[in-house]
N, C-alpha and C. Protein backbone atom coordinates (compact mmCIF):
# COMPACT_ATOMS: atom_id res chain seq x y z
N MET A 1 28.26 52.62 12.22
CA MET A 1 27.36 53.77 12.34
C MET A 1 27.90 54.92 11.49
N SER A 2 27.02 55.51 10.71
CA SER A 2 27.44 56.66 9.91
C SER A 2 27.35 57.93 10.75
N ASN A 3 28.37 58.77 10.62
CA ASN A 3 28.35 60.04 11.33
C ASN A 3 27.46 61.03 10.59
N TRP A 4 27.18 62.13 11.24
CA TRP A 4 26.43 63.22 10.61
C TRP A 4 27.35 63.92 9.62
N LEU A 5 26.77 64.41 8.53
CA LEU A 5 27.51 65.22 7.57
C LEU A 5 26.93 66.62 7.57
N TYR A 6 27.81 67.62 7.55
CA TYR A 6 27.38 69.01 7.44
C TYR A 6 28.30 69.67 6.41
N LYS A 7 27.74 70.05 5.28
CA LYS A 7 28.52 70.63 4.18
C LYS A 7 29.70 69.72 3.82
N ASN A 8 29.41 68.42 3.70
CA ASN A 8 30.38 67.36 3.35
C ASN A 8 31.50 67.17 4.38
N LYS A 9 31.31 67.70 5.59
CA LYS A 9 32.29 67.51 6.66
C LYS A 9 31.64 66.63 7.74
N GLU A 10 32.39 65.63 8.23
CA GLU A 10 31.85 64.75 9.27
C GLU A 10 31.74 65.48 10.61
N ILE A 11 30.59 65.28 11.27
CA ILE A 11 30.37 65.82 12.61
C ILE A 11 30.25 64.61 13.53
N SER A 12 31.26 64.42 14.39
CA SER A 12 31.25 63.23 15.23
C SER A 12 31.35 63.54 16.72
N SER A 13 31.65 64.80 17.05
CA SER A 13 31.72 65.15 18.48
C SER A 13 31.18 66.56 18.69
N ILE A 14 30.92 66.88 19.93
CA ILE A 14 30.35 68.18 20.30
C ILE A 14 31.29 69.32 19.88
N GLU A 15 32.59 69.04 19.79
CA GLU A 15 33.58 70.05 19.40
C GLU A 15 33.42 70.45 17.93
N ASP A 16 32.80 69.58 17.11
CA ASP A 16 32.60 69.86 15.69
C ASP A 16 31.41 70.80 15.45
N ILE A 17 30.64 71.07 16.49
CA ILE A 17 29.41 71.86 16.37
C ILE A 17 29.70 73.30 16.77
N PRO A 18 29.18 74.28 16.03
CA PRO A 18 29.42 75.69 16.38
C PRO A 18 28.92 76.01 17.80
N GLN A 19 29.62 76.94 18.45
CA GLN A 19 29.19 77.37 19.79
C GLN A 19 27.82 78.02 19.70
N ASN A 20 27.11 78.06 20.83
CA ASN A 20 25.76 78.65 20.93
C ASN A 20 24.75 77.95 20.03
N THR A 21 24.94 76.65 19.81
CA THR A 21 23.99 75.85 19.04
C THR A 21 23.11 75.08 20.01
N PHE A 22 21.80 75.17 19.83
CA PHE A 22 20.87 74.39 20.66
C PHE A 22 20.54 73.06 19.99
N GLY A 23 20.45 73.07 18.65
CA GLY A 23 20.10 71.86 17.92
C GLY A 23 20.31 72.07 16.44
N PHE A 24 19.79 71.13 15.64
CA PHE A 24 19.95 71.24 14.20
C PHE A 24 18.77 70.63 13.46
N ILE A 25 18.63 71.05 12.21
CA ILE A 25 17.63 70.51 11.29
C ILE A 25 18.38 69.52 10.41
N TYR A 26 17.78 68.36 10.18
CA TYR A 26 18.49 67.31 9.47
C TYR A 26 17.59 66.55 8.49
N ILE A 27 18.24 65.83 7.58
CA ILE A 27 17.55 64.88 6.70
C ILE A 27 18.27 63.54 6.83
N THR A 28 17.49 62.51 7.15
CA THR A 28 17.99 61.14 7.17
C THR A 28 17.46 60.47 5.90
N THR A 29 18.35 59.82 5.16
CA THR A 29 17.95 59.16 3.92
C THR A 29 18.18 57.66 4.03
N HIS A 30 17.16 56.88 3.70
CA HIS A 30 17.28 55.42 3.63
C HIS A 30 17.79 55.11 2.24
N THR A 31 19.07 54.76 2.14
CA THR A 31 19.73 54.60 0.85
C THR A 31 19.06 53.57 -0.07
N PRO A 32 18.68 52.38 0.41
CA PRO A 32 18.07 51.39 -0.51
C PRO A 32 16.78 51.89 -1.19
N THR A 33 15.97 52.68 -0.49
CA THR A 33 14.69 53.12 -1.07
C THR A 33 14.73 54.58 -1.53
N GLY A 34 15.71 55.36 -1.04
CA GLY A 34 15.78 56.78 -1.37
C GLY A 34 14.80 57.62 -0.57
N LYS A 35 14.06 56.99 0.34
CA LYS A 35 13.09 57.74 1.15
C LYS A 35 13.82 58.56 2.20
N LYS A 36 13.26 59.75 2.48
CA LYS A 36 13.92 60.70 3.39
C LYS A 36 13.01 61.07 4.54
N TYR A 37 13.65 61.57 5.60
CA TYR A 37 12.92 62.06 6.77
C TYR A 37 13.55 63.37 7.19
N LEU A 38 12.74 64.42 7.33
CA LEU A 38 13.26 65.72 7.75
C LEU A 38 12.80 65.96 9.19
N GLY A 39 13.75 66.30 10.06
CA GLY A 39 13.40 66.53 11.46
C GLY A 39 14.35 67.49 12.14
N LYS A 40 14.19 67.58 13.44
CA LYS A 40 15.04 68.44 14.27
C LYS A 40 15.63 67.60 15.39
N LYS A 41 16.77 68.01 15.89
CA LYS A 41 17.38 67.31 17.02
C LYS A 41 18.07 68.32 17.93
N SER A 42 17.76 68.23 19.22
CA SER A 42 18.42 69.06 20.23
C SER A 42 19.75 68.42 20.59
N ILE A 43 20.75 69.23 20.83
CA ILE A 43 22.06 68.72 21.22
C ILE A 43 22.13 68.52 22.73
N TYR A 44 21.36 69.33 23.45
CA TYR A 44 21.33 69.23 24.90
C TYR A 44 19.90 69.05 25.38
N HIS A 45 19.74 68.46 26.55
CA HIS A 45 18.44 68.44 27.20
C HIS A 45 18.63 68.62 28.69
N ASN A 46 17.59 69.13 29.34
CA ASN A 46 17.66 69.37 30.77
C ASN A 46 17.18 68.15 31.54
N VAL A 47 17.90 67.85 32.62
CA VAL A 47 17.56 66.71 33.48
C VAL A 47 17.45 67.22 34.91
N LYS A 48 16.39 66.80 35.62
CA LYS A 48 16.27 67.15 37.03
C LYS A 48 17.09 66.16 37.86
N LYS A 49 17.90 66.71 38.77
CA LYS A 49 18.74 65.88 39.63
C LYS A 49 18.39 66.19 41.08
N LYS A 50 18.18 65.14 41.86
CA LYS A 50 17.87 65.32 43.28
C LYS A 50 19.11 65.83 44.00
N LEU A 51 18.91 66.81 44.88
CA LEU A 51 20.03 67.34 45.65
C LEU A 51 20.38 66.38 46.78
N THR A 52 21.67 66.28 47.10
CA THR A 52 22.11 65.45 48.22
C THR A 52 21.82 66.19 49.53
N LYS A 53 21.91 65.49 50.64
CA LYS A 53 21.68 66.13 51.95
C LYS A 53 22.64 67.29 52.16
N LYS A 54 23.90 67.09 51.75
CA LYS A 54 24.91 68.14 51.90
C LYS A 54 24.53 69.37 51.06
N GLU A 55 24.11 69.15 49.81
CA GLU A 55 23.71 70.25 48.93
C GLU A 55 22.49 70.98 49.48
N LEU A 56 21.56 70.23 50.07
CA LEU A 56 20.37 70.84 50.68
C LEU A 56 20.77 71.73 51.85
N ALA A 57 21.70 71.24 52.67
CA ALA A 57 22.16 71.99 53.84
C ALA A 57 22.89 73.27 53.44
N GLU A 58 23.54 73.25 52.28
CA GLU A 58 24.31 74.41 51.82
C GLU A 58 23.45 75.49 51.18
N GLN A 59 22.17 75.21 50.96
CA GLN A 59 21.29 76.20 50.34
C GLN A 59 21.11 77.40 51.27
N PRO A 60 21.09 78.61 50.70
CA PRO A 60 20.87 79.79 51.55
C PRO A 60 19.47 79.76 52.16
N VAL A 61 19.35 80.36 53.34
CA VAL A 61 18.06 80.40 54.03
C VAL A 61 17.15 81.41 53.32
N THR A 62 16.01 80.93 52.88
CA THR A 62 15.03 81.80 52.20
C THR A 62 13.66 81.51 52.79
N ARG A 63 12.71 82.34 52.44
CA ARG A 63 11.34 82.09 52.88
C ARG A 63 10.75 80.98 52.02
N GLY A 64 9.88 80.20 52.58
CA GLY A 64 9.22 79.14 51.82
C GLY A 64 10.06 77.88 51.77
N ARG A 65 9.60 76.97 50.94
CA ARG A 65 10.26 75.67 50.83
C ARG A 65 11.56 75.74 50.05
N LYS A 66 12.50 74.91 50.44
CA LYS A 66 13.75 74.80 49.71
C LYS A 66 13.54 73.84 48.54
N SER A 67 14.21 74.10 47.45
CA SER A 67 14.14 73.22 46.30
C SER A 67 14.91 71.94 46.61
N THR A 68 14.34 70.81 46.23
CA THR A 68 15.02 69.52 46.49
C THR A 68 15.70 68.99 45.22
N THR A 69 15.54 69.73 44.11
CA THR A 69 16.17 69.32 42.85
C THR A 69 16.89 70.49 42.20
N THR A 70 17.77 70.15 41.29
CA THR A 70 18.43 71.15 40.47
C THR A 70 18.35 70.67 39.02
N THR A 71 18.41 71.59 38.09
CA THR A 71 18.36 71.23 36.68
C THR A 71 19.76 71.28 36.11
N ILE A 72 20.17 70.18 35.48
CA ILE A 72 21.48 70.15 34.83
C ILE A 72 21.29 69.88 33.34
N GLN A 73 22.18 70.43 32.55
CA GLN A 73 22.09 70.26 31.10
C GLN A 73 23.02 69.11 30.70
N LYS A 74 22.47 68.13 29.97
CA LYS A 74 23.25 66.98 29.51
C LYS A 74 23.22 66.92 28.00
N GLU A 75 24.28 66.35 27.45
CA GLU A 75 24.33 66.14 26.00
C GLU A 75 23.29 65.08 25.65
N SER A 76 22.54 65.30 24.57
CA SER A 76 21.51 64.35 24.16
C SER A 76 22.14 63.16 23.42
N ASP A 77 21.30 62.30 22.90
CA ASP A 77 21.75 61.13 22.13
C ASP A 77 21.95 61.45 20.65
N TRP A 78 22.26 62.69 20.32
CA TRP A 78 22.33 63.14 18.93
C TRP A 78 23.29 62.32 18.07
N LYS A 79 24.36 61.80 18.66
CA LYS A 79 25.35 61.04 17.87
C LYS A 79 24.77 59.75 17.30
N THR A 80 23.86 59.11 18.04
CA THR A 80 23.30 57.83 17.63
C THR A 80 21.87 57.95 17.11
N TYR A 81 21.38 59.18 16.94
CA TYR A 81 19.99 59.42 16.56
C TYR A 81 19.82 59.42 15.04
N TYR A 82 18.75 58.79 14.57
CA TYR A 82 18.47 58.74 13.13
C TYR A 82 17.13 59.36 12.79
N GLY A 83 16.19 59.43 13.74
CA GLY A 83 14.88 60.00 13.48
C GLY A 83 13.83 59.31 14.33
N SER A 84 12.65 59.94 14.43
CA SER A 84 11.59 59.42 15.31
C SER A 84 10.53 58.62 14.55
N GLU A 85 10.68 58.52 13.23
CA GLU A 85 9.69 57.81 12.43
C GLU A 85 9.81 56.30 12.65
N GLU A 86 8.68 55.59 12.72
CA GLU A 86 8.65 54.16 13.06
C GLU A 86 9.51 53.30 12.13
N PHE A 87 9.46 53.56 10.82
CA PHE A 87 10.26 52.79 9.86
C PHE A 87 11.75 52.90 10.22
N ILE A 88 12.20 54.11 10.52
CA ILE A 88 13.61 54.35 10.86
C ILE A 88 13.95 53.65 12.18
N LYS A 89 13.09 53.81 13.18
CA LYS A 89 13.37 53.21 14.49
C LYS A 89 13.46 51.69 14.39
N GLN A 90 12.62 51.07 13.56
CA GLN A 90 12.65 49.62 13.39
C GLN A 90 13.94 49.17 12.71
N LYS A 91 14.36 49.90 11.68
CA LYS A 91 15.61 49.56 10.98
C LYS A 91 16.80 49.66 11.94
N ILE A 92 16.81 50.67 12.79
CA ILE A 92 17.91 50.85 13.75
C ILE A 92 17.89 49.71 14.77
N LYS A 93 16.70 49.35 15.21
CA LYS A 93 16.53 48.23 16.15
C LYS A 93 17.06 46.94 15.52
N ASP A 94 16.87 46.80 14.20
CA ASP A 94 17.35 45.62 13.47
C ASP A 94 18.83 45.74 13.08
N LYS A 95 19.51 46.74 13.64
CA LYS A 95 20.95 46.97 13.41
C LYS A 95 21.28 47.26 11.94
N LYS A 96 20.44 48.08 11.29
CA LYS A 96 20.64 48.40 9.88
C LYS A 96 21.04 49.87 9.69
N GLN A 97 21.83 50.41 10.61
CA GLN A 97 22.26 51.81 10.55
C GLN A 97 22.97 52.13 9.24
N GLU A 98 23.71 51.14 8.70
CA GLU A 98 24.48 51.39 7.48
C GLU A 98 23.60 51.69 6.27
N GLU A 99 22.28 51.45 6.38
CA GLU A 99 21.36 51.75 5.29
C GLU A 99 20.98 53.23 5.23
N PHE A 100 21.48 54.03 6.18
CA PHE A 100 21.08 55.44 6.27
C PHE A 100 22.26 56.38 6.11
N THR A 101 21.97 57.56 5.53
CA THR A 101 22.91 58.67 5.58
C THR A 101 22.21 59.78 6.37
N ARG A 102 22.99 60.56 7.10
CA ARG A 102 22.44 61.62 7.93
C ARG A 102 23.13 62.94 7.60
N GLU A 103 22.32 63.92 7.21
CA GLU A 103 22.86 65.21 6.81
C GLU A 103 22.25 66.33 7.66
N ILE A 104 23.10 67.16 8.21
CA ILE A 104 22.65 68.34 8.95
C ILE A 104 22.49 69.47 7.94
N LEU A 105 21.29 70.06 7.88
CA LEU A 105 21.07 71.18 6.97
C LEU A 105 21.65 72.46 7.55
N PHE A 106 21.34 72.73 8.84
CA PHE A 106 21.91 73.89 9.51
C PHE A 106 21.70 73.79 11.01
N PHE A 107 22.51 74.59 11.72
CA PHE A 107 22.47 74.62 13.18
C PHE A 107 21.57 75.77 13.64
N VAL A 108 20.91 75.58 14.78
CA VAL A 108 19.92 76.54 15.28
C VAL A 108 20.28 76.92 16.73
N PRO A 109 20.15 78.23 17.09
CA PRO A 109 20.60 78.69 18.40
C PRO A 109 19.65 78.46 19.58
N ASN A 110 18.34 78.25 19.33
CA ASN A 110 17.44 78.07 20.49
C ASN A 110 16.26 77.15 20.16
N LYS A 111 15.56 76.75 21.20
CA LYS A 111 14.48 75.76 21.10
C LYS A 111 13.32 76.23 20.22
N LYS A 112 12.91 77.47 20.38
CA LYS A 112 11.78 78.00 19.62
C LYS A 112 12.07 78.00 18.12
N LEU A 113 13.26 78.50 17.75
CA LEU A 113 13.64 78.53 16.34
C LEU A 113 13.82 77.12 15.77
N LEU A 114 14.23 76.18 16.61
CA LEU A 114 14.39 74.80 16.17
C LEU A 114 13.05 74.26 15.66
N THR A 115 11.99 74.49 16.42
CA THR A 115 10.65 74.05 16.01
C THR A 115 10.18 74.82 14.78
N TYR A 116 10.43 76.13 14.77
CA TYR A 116 10.03 76.96 13.62
C TYR A 116 10.67 76.44 12.33
N TYR A 117 11.99 76.26 12.35
CA TYR A 117 12.68 75.85 11.13
C TYR A 117 12.31 74.42 10.71
N GLU A 118 12.06 73.55 11.67
CA GLU A 118 11.62 72.20 11.32
C GLU A 118 10.31 72.29 10.52
N CYS A 119 9.34 73.04 11.05
CA CYS A 119 8.05 73.19 10.37
C CYS A 119 8.23 73.86 9.01
N LYS A 120 8.99 74.95 8.99
CA LYS A 120 9.19 75.69 7.75
C LYS A 120 9.71 74.77 6.65
N TYR A 121 10.76 74.01 6.94
CA TYR A 121 11.36 73.19 5.90
C TYR A 121 10.53 71.95 5.58
N GLN A 122 9.73 71.47 6.52
CA GLN A 122 8.81 70.38 6.20
C GLN A 122 7.77 70.87 5.19
N PHE A 123 7.30 72.12 5.35
CA PHE A 123 6.37 72.69 4.38
C PHE A 123 7.07 72.99 3.06
N VAL A 124 8.27 73.59 3.12
CA VAL A 124 9.02 73.95 1.91
C VAL A 124 9.29 72.71 1.05
N TYR A 125 9.71 71.62 1.69
CA TYR A 125 10.01 70.39 0.95
C TYR A 125 8.75 69.57 0.63
N GLY A 126 7.60 69.97 1.16
CA GLY A 126 6.36 69.27 0.88
C GLY A 126 6.37 67.83 1.38
N VAL A 127 6.88 67.62 2.59
CA VAL A 127 7.10 66.26 3.10
C VAL A 127 5.81 65.43 3.24
N LEU A 128 4.67 66.09 3.35
CA LEU A 128 3.42 65.34 3.50
C LEU A 128 2.78 65.02 2.15
N GLU A 129 3.25 65.70 1.10
CA GLU A 129 2.59 65.61 -0.21
C GLU A 129 3.30 64.67 -1.17
N SER A 130 4.38 64.03 -0.74
CA SER A 130 5.17 63.20 -1.64
C SER A 130 5.54 61.88 -0.98
N ASP A 131 5.54 60.82 -1.79
CA ASP A 131 5.95 59.49 -1.30
C ASP A 131 7.45 59.41 -1.04
N GLU A 132 8.17 60.42 -1.47
CA GLU A 132 9.62 60.47 -1.29
C GLU A 132 10.00 60.63 0.20
N TRP A 133 9.05 61.12 1.00
CA TRP A 133 9.32 61.43 2.40
C TRP A 133 8.64 60.44 3.34
N LEU A 134 9.32 60.14 4.45
CA LEU A 134 8.78 59.25 5.49
C LEU A 134 7.94 60.01 6.51
N ASN A 135 8.06 61.34 6.55
CA ASN A 135 7.29 62.14 7.51
C ASN A 135 5.80 61.88 7.32
N THR A 136 5.08 61.69 8.44
CA THR A 136 3.63 61.47 8.35
C THR A 136 2.83 62.63 8.92
N ASN A 137 3.50 63.54 9.63
CA ASN A 137 2.78 64.71 10.14
C ASN A 137 3.73 65.87 10.39
N ILE A 138 3.13 67.05 10.51
CA ILE A 138 3.87 68.26 10.89
C ILE A 138 3.19 68.80 12.14
N LEU A 139 3.95 68.89 13.21
CA LEU A 139 3.47 69.41 14.50
C LEU A 139 2.28 68.65 15.09
N GLY A 140 2.00 67.47 14.59
CA GLY A 140 0.83 66.73 15.07
C GLY A 140 -0.48 67.40 14.68
N LYS A 141 -0.42 68.31 13.72
CA LYS A 141 -1.62 69.04 13.27
C LYS A 141 -1.95 68.74 11.81
N PHE A 142 -0.93 68.52 11.00
CA PHE A 142 -1.11 68.30 9.58
C PHE A 142 -0.59 66.90 9.26
N TYR A 143 -1.38 66.09 8.56
CA TYR A 143 -1.05 64.68 8.33
C TYR A 143 -1.00 64.34 6.85
N SER A 144 -0.11 63.43 6.49
CA SER A 144 -0.01 63.01 5.09
C SER A 144 -1.29 62.34 4.62
N LYS A 145 -1.98 61.65 5.53
CA LYS A 145 -3.23 60.96 5.14
C LYS A 145 -4.30 61.95 4.65
N ASP A 146 -4.18 63.22 5.06
CA ASP A 146 -5.14 64.24 4.62
C ASP A 146 -4.99 64.56 3.13
N PHE A 147 -3.85 64.19 2.53
CA PHE A 147 -3.60 64.51 1.12
C PHE A 147 -4.01 63.38 0.18
N VAL A 148 -4.43 62.25 0.75
CA VAL A 148 -4.86 61.11 -0.08
C VAL A 148 -6.27 61.39 -0.60
N ALA A 149 -6.43 61.29 -1.90
CA ALA A 149 -7.73 61.62 -2.50
C ALA A 149 -8.73 60.49 -2.32
């Protein structure tokens, strides 16, 4: 498995990532074809966890119903992630990770900016207008098929 590269430095653990980072914008390249995919990846995600009987009993007395769950933040699958595009997912399923390079363009501090920068750079690089890119849509609103004459 190839690690992520950021400014030619390998990123292989959470300690390699700057503090206060929510996620990053990346490009995955399929080396044999040169085709690229530009996307975003969150480093953490929230998971709902059911409270135990003991934790429920320890809750302070308040008006209304007591919460039966708590939200915990877990590290995402960013280390093994290559992209959400079907071509990439199939290659990974076929154990062809070595055919890809993964580059982090930059780190982003929050969820909203992560989506903003993903869209911005997809438009800047013209990912829907060129065969060089594997991206087929931006935000589920703009599609590469719309550019076919």
